[in-house]
Each structure stands twice: as C-alpha cells, then as structure tokens.
C-alpha cells in the first residue's frame, strides 16, 4: 500500500545497497493527478523501483508501473478503463551539466540534498502515461453537443457588419 512508501530516502544508501521498493499505491493518494479526468480514484497502481549505480551520474532507478485507471471519456463523458504499463529508467542529477552525461533512453531527475521522494517518482511515471484528452475507443460525441450548421442564417452583404464600411469608401 501507499503507506509502505517512505516520504524520502537517502539516494546514496539506495544506490549503494541496490534497494528495491515494490507495492501498490492508491490513485487517491497521488496529489498531482488530474482529478477532473478521473471517474474513480479507488483503484491501485502496482509499482516497482529498483535503484542501481551509474557511471555517469549520482545513480539510476528502473521504475515500473502497471494498473488500470477509470477515466472520463472527453467525447462521450462516459467512464472507461485505461490500462497503463511502463518501464523507464531515470538518472539522478544535481547539476544541469550532468544531464548531458545520460544516455538518450534515461530521463533526468533532479535531486537536492541527496534525498529522493519515491512516491513522486511513481506519480511522475503515471502522469506521463495519462492522455491530455482521454477518449474511449469508438466513442462518439453526443449530437446535443454539436451545432447544426443548417440552422445558421445565411449571411449576405446586407447582414454583414462590414458592409457598412464598404459603403463608406
């Protein structure tokens, strides 16, 4: 559960001892989630964080997240299940110049005072997977939200606001 994730951990100890943090986190416990896109916040996301040494930077972590989110379709406004699953590697840096030392497939993560918030690492990965405008496959926009162009009045030069300017010439 989310309670098993510490608020912060010492990066040196985590990397040196190759710590592995595994568990589940409740979506409602994540503060930066786009709550307006979520239909239900009671689901759990599985996570696995494996810390490892790095030749280039302060250390690295392989982060895996997997689970189902109940999102609200932005077309039909109906709830639907959105499956997330990803593994990525982050490299911990404390100087801007260190980012250039990372391989292209490793994302930079800023560290201050050699302390890392594992909950924030998991939340970052989840946030990167949620679409900006979730759409259920095959969802259609309800016709009551569409405008009917056939009912729009035909405009001619007399109704046009700029026709007055034409006469001034």
C-alpha atoms as a PDB file:
ATOM      1  CA  UNK A   1       0.000   0.000   0.000  1.00  0.00           C
ATOM      2  CA  UNK A   2       0.977   3.636  -0.257  1.00  0.00           C
ATOM      3  CA  UNK A   3       1.849   3.722   3.453  1.00  0.00           C
ATOM      4  CA  UNK A   4       4.864   1.496   2.743  1.00  0.00           C
ATOM      5  CA  UNK A   5       6.460   4.213   0.617  1.00  0.00           C
ATOM      6  CA  UNK A   6       8.665   6.480   2.725  1.00  0.00           C
ATOM      7  CA  UNK A   7       8.408  10.257   2.345  1.00  0.00           C
ATOM      8  CA  UNK A   8      12.041  10.430   1.268  1.00  0.00           C
ATOM      9  CA  UNK A   9      15.044   8.158   1.093  1.00  0.00           C
ATOM     10  CA  UNK A  10      18.784   8.703   1.042  1.00  0.00           C
ATOM     11  CA  UNK A  11      19.889   8.269  -2.559  1.00  0.00           C
ATOM     12  CA  UNK A  12      23.418   7.173  -1.604  1.00  0.00           C
ATOM     13  CA  UNK A  13      22.120   4.322   0.552  1.00  0.00           C
ATOM     14  CA  UNK A  14      19.502   3.298  -2.018  1.00  0.00           C
ATOM     15  CA  UNK A  15      22.015   3.134  -4.873  1.00  0.00           C
ATOM     16  CA  UNK A  16      24.841   1.568  -2.850  1.00  0.00           C
ATOM     17  CA  UNK A  17      22.571  -1.165  -1.438  1.00  0.00           C
ATOM     18  CA  UNK A  18      20.518  -1.570  -4.638  1.00  0.00           C
ATOM     19  CA  UNK A  19      17.236  -1.033  -2.819  1.00  0.00           C
ATOM     20  CA  UNK A  20      14.054  -2.294  -4.407  1.00  0.00           C
ATOM     21  CA  UNK A  21      10.683  -0.805  -3.459  1.00  0.00           C
ATOM     22  CA  UNK A  22       7.645  -2.797  -4.572  1.00  0.00           C
ATOM     23  CA  UNK A  23       3.976  -2.418  -3.768  1.00  0.00           C
ATOM     24  CA  UNK A  24       0.743  -0.713  -4.687  1.00  0.00           C
ATOM     25  CA  UNK A  25      -0.299   2.898  -4.435  1.00  0.00           C
ATOM     26  CA  UNK A  26      -3.877   4.148  -4.346  1.00  0.00           C
ATOM     27  CA  UNK A  27      -4.705   6.706  -7.034  1.00  0.00           C
ATOM     28  CA  UNK A  28      -6.415   8.973  -4.483  1.00  0.00           C
ATOM     29  CA  UNK A  29      -3.096   9.239  -2.591  1.00  0.00           C
ATOM     30  CA  UNK A  30      -1.425  10.919  -5.560  1.00  0.00           C
ATOM     31  CA  UNK A  31      -1.687  14.687  -5.192  1.00  0.00           C
ATOM     32  CA  UNK A  32      -0.827  15.807  -8.726  1.00  0.00           C
ATOM     33  CA  UNK A  33      -3.272  13.539 -10.574  1.00  0.00           C
ATOM     34  CA  UNK A  34      -5.699  15.286 -12.959  1.00  0.00           C
ATOM     35  CA  UNK A  35      -8.734  14.579 -10.769  1.00  0.00           C
ATOM     36  CA  UNK A  36     -11.111  16.136 -13.304  1.00  0.00           C
ATOM     37  CA  UNK A  37     -10.225  13.320 -15.745  1.00  0.00           C
ATOM     38  CA  UNK A  38     -10.683  10.516 -13.199  1.00  0.00           C
ATOM     39  CA  UNK A  39     -14.010   8.762 -12.743  1.00  0.00           C
ATOM     40  CA  UNK A  40     -12.895   6.676  -9.767  1.00  0.00           C
ATOM     41  CA  UNK A  41      -9.868   7.231  -7.543  1.00  0.00           C
ATOM     42  CA  UNK A  42     -10.158   3.979  -5.585  1.00  0.00           C
ATOM     43  CA  UNK A  43      -8.008   1.893  -7.932  1.00  0.00           C
ATOM     44  CA  UNK A  44      -4.459   0.800  -7.159  1.00  0.00           C
ATOM     45  CA  UNK A  45      -1.344   1.005  -9.341  1.00  0.00           C
ATOM     46  CA  UNK A  46       1.431  -1.567  -8.936  1.00  0.00           C
ATOM     47  CA  UNK A  47       4.927  -0.113  -8.787  1.00  0.00           C
ATOM     48  CA  UNK A  48       8.474  -1.401  -8.640  1.00  0.00           C
ATOM     49  CA  UNK A  49      11.510   0.853  -8.169  1.00  0.00           C
ATOM     50  CA  UNK A  50      14.968  -0.722  -8.466  1.00  0.00           C
ATOM     51  CA  UNK A  51      17.891   1.575  -7.586  1.00  0.00           C
ATOM     52  CA  UNK A  52      21.237   0.951  -9.256  1.00  0.00           C
ATOM     53  CA  UNK A  53      24.654   2.515  -9.649  1.00  0.00           C
ATOM     54  CA  UNK A  54      25.607   4.667 -12.613  1.00  0.00           C
ATOM     55  CA  UNK A  55      28.962   5.511 -14.136  1.00  0.00           C
ATOM     56  CA  UNK A  56      27.731   8.895 -15.368  1.00  0.00           C
ATOM     57  CA  UNK A  57      25.515  10.368 -12.628  1.00  0.00           C
ATOM     58  CA  UNK A  58      24.598  10.035  -8.932  1.00  0.00           C
ATOM     59  CA  UNK A  59      22.593   6.881  -9.552  1.00  0.00           C
ATOM     60  CA  UNK A  60      19.713   5.453 -11.545  1.00  0.00           C
ATOM     61  CA  UNK A  61      16.366   3.818 -10.873  1.00  0.00           C
ATOM     62  CA  UNK A  62      14.341   1.496 -13.065  1.00  0.00           C
ATOM     63  CA  UNK A  63      10.679   2.311 -12.432  1.00  0.00           C
ATOM     64  CA  UNK A  64       7.804   0.045 -13.452  1.00  0.00           C
ATOM     65  CA  UNK A  65       4.146   0.979 -13.130  1.00  0.00           C
ATOM     66  CA  UNK A  66       1.142  -1.126 -14.072  1.00  0.00           C
ATOM     67  CA  UNK A  67      -2.573  -0.850 -13.444  1.00  0.00           C
ATOM     68  CA  UNK A  68      -5.976   0.322 -14.596  1.00  0.00           C
ATOM     69  CA  UNK A  69      -7.343   3.835 -14.262  1.00  0.00           C
ATOM     70  CA  UNK A  70     -11.005   4.743 -14.611  1.00  0.00           C
ATOM     71  CA  UNK A  71     -11.003   7.862 -16.761  1.00  0.00           C
ATOM     72  CA  UNK A  72     -13.812  10.006 -18.138  1.00  0.00           C
ATOM     73  CA  UNK A  73     -14.041   9.977 -21.924  1.00  0.00           C
ATOM     74  CA  UNK A  74     -13.824  13.549 -23.160  1.00  0.00           C
ATOM     75  CA  UNK A  75     -16.121  12.799 -26.109  1.00  0.00           C
ATOM     76  CA  UNK A  76     -18.966  10.829 -24.580  1.00  0.00           C
ATOM     77  CA  UNK A  77     -18.380  11.796 -20.911  1.00  0.00           C
ATOM     78  CA  UNK A  78     -18.697   8.097 -20.047  1.00  0.00           C
ATOM     79  CA  UNK A  79     -16.239   6.290 -17.762  1.00  0.00           C
ATOM     80  CA  UNK A  80     -13.839   3.766 -19.272  1.00  0.00           C
ATOM     81  CA  UNK A  81     -10.897   1.686 -18.141  1.00  0.00           C
ATOM     82  CA  UNK A  82      -7.479   2.885 -19.286  1.00  0.00           C
ATOM     83  CA  UNK A  83      -4.630   0.418 -18.764  1.00  0.00           C
ATOM     84  CA  UNK A  84      -1.181   1.783 -18.023  1.00  0.00           C
ATOM     85  CA  UNK A  85       2.040  -0.190 -18.086  1.00  0.00           C
ATOM     86  CA  UNK A  86       5.519   1.186 -18.484  1.00  0.00           C
ATOM     87  CA  UNK A  87       9.108   0.655 -17.518  1.00  0.00           C
ATOM     88  CA  UNK A  88      11.552   3.523 -17.666  1.00  0.00           C
ATOM     89  CA  UNK A  89      14.931   4.446 -16.265  1.00  0.00           C
ATOM     90  CA  UNK A  90      15.691   7.740 -14.557  1.00  0.00           C
ATOM     91  CA  UNK A  91      19.106   9.151 -13.768  1.00  0.00           C
ATOM     92  CA  UNK A  92      19.534  11.328 -10.687  1.00  0.00           C
ATOM     93  CA  UNK A  93      21.372  14.615 -11.240  1.00  0.00           C
ATOM     94  CA  UNK A  94      22.215  17.582  -9.027  1.00  0.00           C
ATOM     95  CA  UNK A  95      23.878  19.764 -11.669  1.00  0.00           C
ATOM     96  CA  UNK A  96      22.426  20.847 -15.002  1.00  0.00           C
ATOM     97  CA  UNK A  97      25.585  19.755 -16.813  1.00  0.00           C
ATOM     98  CA  UNK A  98      25.060  16.160 -15.654  1.00  0.00           C
ATOM     99  CA  UNK A  99      22.023  15.764 -17.912  1.00  0.00           C
ATOM    100  CA  UNK A 100      24.295  15.635 -20.980  1.00  0.00           C
ATOM    101  CA  UNK A 101      26.087  12.619 -19.454  1.00  0.00           C
ATOM    102  CA  UNK A 102      22.923  10.485 -19.506  1.00  0.00           C
ATOM    103  CA  UNK A 103      22.214   8.024 -22.314  1.00  0.00           C
ATOM    104  CA  UNK A 104      19.265   9.058 -24.536  1.00  0.00           C
ATOM    105  CA  UNK A 105      16.907   6.435 -23.053  1.00  0.00           C
ATOM    106  CA  UNK A 106      17.486   7.625 -19.457  1.00  0.00           C
ATOM    107  CA  UNK A 107      15.394  10.548 -18.202  1.00  0.00           C
ATOM    108  CA  UNK A 108      16.959  13.105 -15.878  1.00  0.00           C
ATOM    109  CA  UNK A 109      15.515  13.554 -12.387  1.00  0.00           C
ATOM    110  CA  UNK A 110      16.642  16.409 -10.177  1.00  0.00           C
ATOM    111  CA  UNK A 111      17.907  15.609  -6.662  1.00  0.00           C
ATOM    112  CA  UNK A 112      18.517  18.046  -3.814  1.00  0.00           C
ATOM    113  CA  UNK A 113      20.458  17.148  -0.665  1.00  0.00           C
ATOM    114  CA  UNK A 114      20.752  13.551  -1.940  1.00  0.00           C
ATOM    115  CA  UNK A 115      17.150  12.832  -0.880  1.00  0.00           C
ATOM    116  CA  UNK A 116      14.583  11.232  -3.204  1.00  0.00           C
ATOM    117  CA  UNK A 117      10.793  11.046  -2.874  1.00  0.00           C
ATOM    118  CA  UNK A 118       9.837   7.582  -4.213  1.00  0.00           C
ATOM    119  CA  UNK A 119       6.121   8.452  -4.282  1.00  0.00           C
ATOM    120  CA  UNK A 120       6.892  11.379  -6.604  1.00  0.00           C
ATOM    121  CA  UNK A 121       8.895   9.060  -8.885  1.00  0.00           C
ATOM    122  CA  UNK A 122       5.903   6.724  -9.228  1.00  0.00           C
ATOM    123  CA  UNK A 123       3.492   9.619  -9.701  1.00  0.00           C
ATOM    124  CA  UNK A 124       5.695  11.140 -12.431  1.00  0.00           C
ATOM    125  CA  UNK A 125       5.570   7.896 -14.400  1.00  0.00           C
ATOM    126  CA  UNK A 126       1.788   7.643 -14.083  1.00  0.00           C
ATOM    127  CA  UNK A 127       1.269  11.274 -15.107  1.00  0.00           C
ATOM    128  CA  UNK A 128       3.344  10.753 -18.242  1.00  0.00           C
ATOM    129  CA  UNK A 129       1.012   7.916 -19.295  1.00  0.00           C
ATOM    130  CA  UNK A 130      -2.334   9.688 -18.885  1.00  0.00           C
ATOM    131  CA  UNK A 131      -3.510  11.292 -22.134  1.00  0.00           C
ATOM    132  CA  UNK A 132      -4.355  15.006 -22.094  1.00  0.00           C
ATOM    133  CA  UNK A 133      -7.801  14.258 -23.559  1.00  0.00           C
ATOM    134  CA  UNK A 134      -8.794  10.672 -22.757  1.00  0.00           C
ATOM    135  CA  UNK A 135     -11.099   9.132 -25.353  1.00  0.00           C
ATOM    136  CA  UNK A 136     -12.804   5.782 -25.133  1.00  0.00           C
ATOM    137  CA  UNK A 137     -12.218   3.732 -28.297  1.00  0.00           C
ATOM    138  CA  UNK A 138     -15.123   4.271 -30.691  1.00  0.00           C
ATOM    139  CA  UNK A 139     -16.757   6.982 -28.574  1.00  0.00           C
ATOM    140  CA  UNK A 140     -18.961   9.399 -30.455  1.00  0.00           C
ATOM    141  CA  UNK A 141     -19.736  12.942 -29.449  1.00  0.00           C
ATOM    142  CA  UNK A 142     -23.365  13.253 -28.341  1.00  0.00           C
ATOM    143  CA  UNK A 143     -25.348  15.069 -31.036  1.00  0.00           C
ATOM    144  CA  UNK A 144     -26.788  17.506 -28.494  1.00  0.00           C
ATOM    145  CA  UNK A 145     -23.293  18.985 -28.185  1.00  0.00           C
ATOM    146  CA  UNK A 146     -22.926  19.525 -31.923  1.00  0.00           C
ATOM    147  CA  UNK A 147     -24.103  22.646 -33.677  1.00  0.00           C
ATOM    148  CA  UNK A 148     -26.356  22.263 -36.668  1.00  0.00           C
ATOM    149  CA  UNK A 149     -24.957  24.456 -39.435  1.00  0.00           C
ATOM    150  CA  UNK A 150     -28.150  24.095 -41.482  1.00  0.00           C
ATOM    151  CA  UNK A 151     -29.976  26.268 -38.928  1.00  0.00           C
ATOM    152  CA  UNK A 152     -27.444  29.073 -39.216  1.00  0.00           C
ATOM    153  CA  UNK A 153     -28.840  32.104 -41.022  1.00  0.00           C
ATOM    154  CA  UNK A 154     -27.473  32.760 -44.468  1.00  0.00           C
ATOM    155  CA  UNK A 155     -25.389  35.896 -44.469  1.00  0.00           C
ATOM    156  CA  UNK A 156     -25.409  38.326 -47.319  1.00  0.00           C
ATOM    157  CA  UNK A 157     -23.813  41.716 -47.702  1.00  0.00           C
ATOM    158  CA  UNK A 158     -26.771  43.493 -46.074  1.00  0.00           C
ATOM    159  CA  UNK A 159     -26.430  41.488 -42.882  1.00  0.00           C
ATOM    160  CA  UNK A 160     -22.673  41.690 -42.879  1.00  0.00           C
ATOM    161  CA  UNK A 161     -21.342  44.169 -40.320  1.00  0.00           C
ATOM    162  CA  UNK A 162     -18.545  45.126 -42.660  1.00  0.00           C
ATOM    163  CA  UNK A 163     -20.921  46.107 -45.470  1.00  0.00           C
ATOM    164  CA  UNK A 164     -21.320  49.474 -43.757  1.00  0.00           C
ATOM    165  CA  UNK A 165     -17.590  50.040 -44.111  1.00  0.00           C
ATOM    166  CA  UNK A 166     -17.803  49.200 -47.794  1.00  0.00           C
ATOM    167  CA  UNK A 167     -20.358  51.968 -48.282  1.00  0.00           C
ATOM    168  CA  UNK A 168     -18.085  54.481 -46.568  1.00  0.00           C
ATOM    169  CA  UNK A 169     -15.455  54.065 -49.258  1.00  0.00           C
END
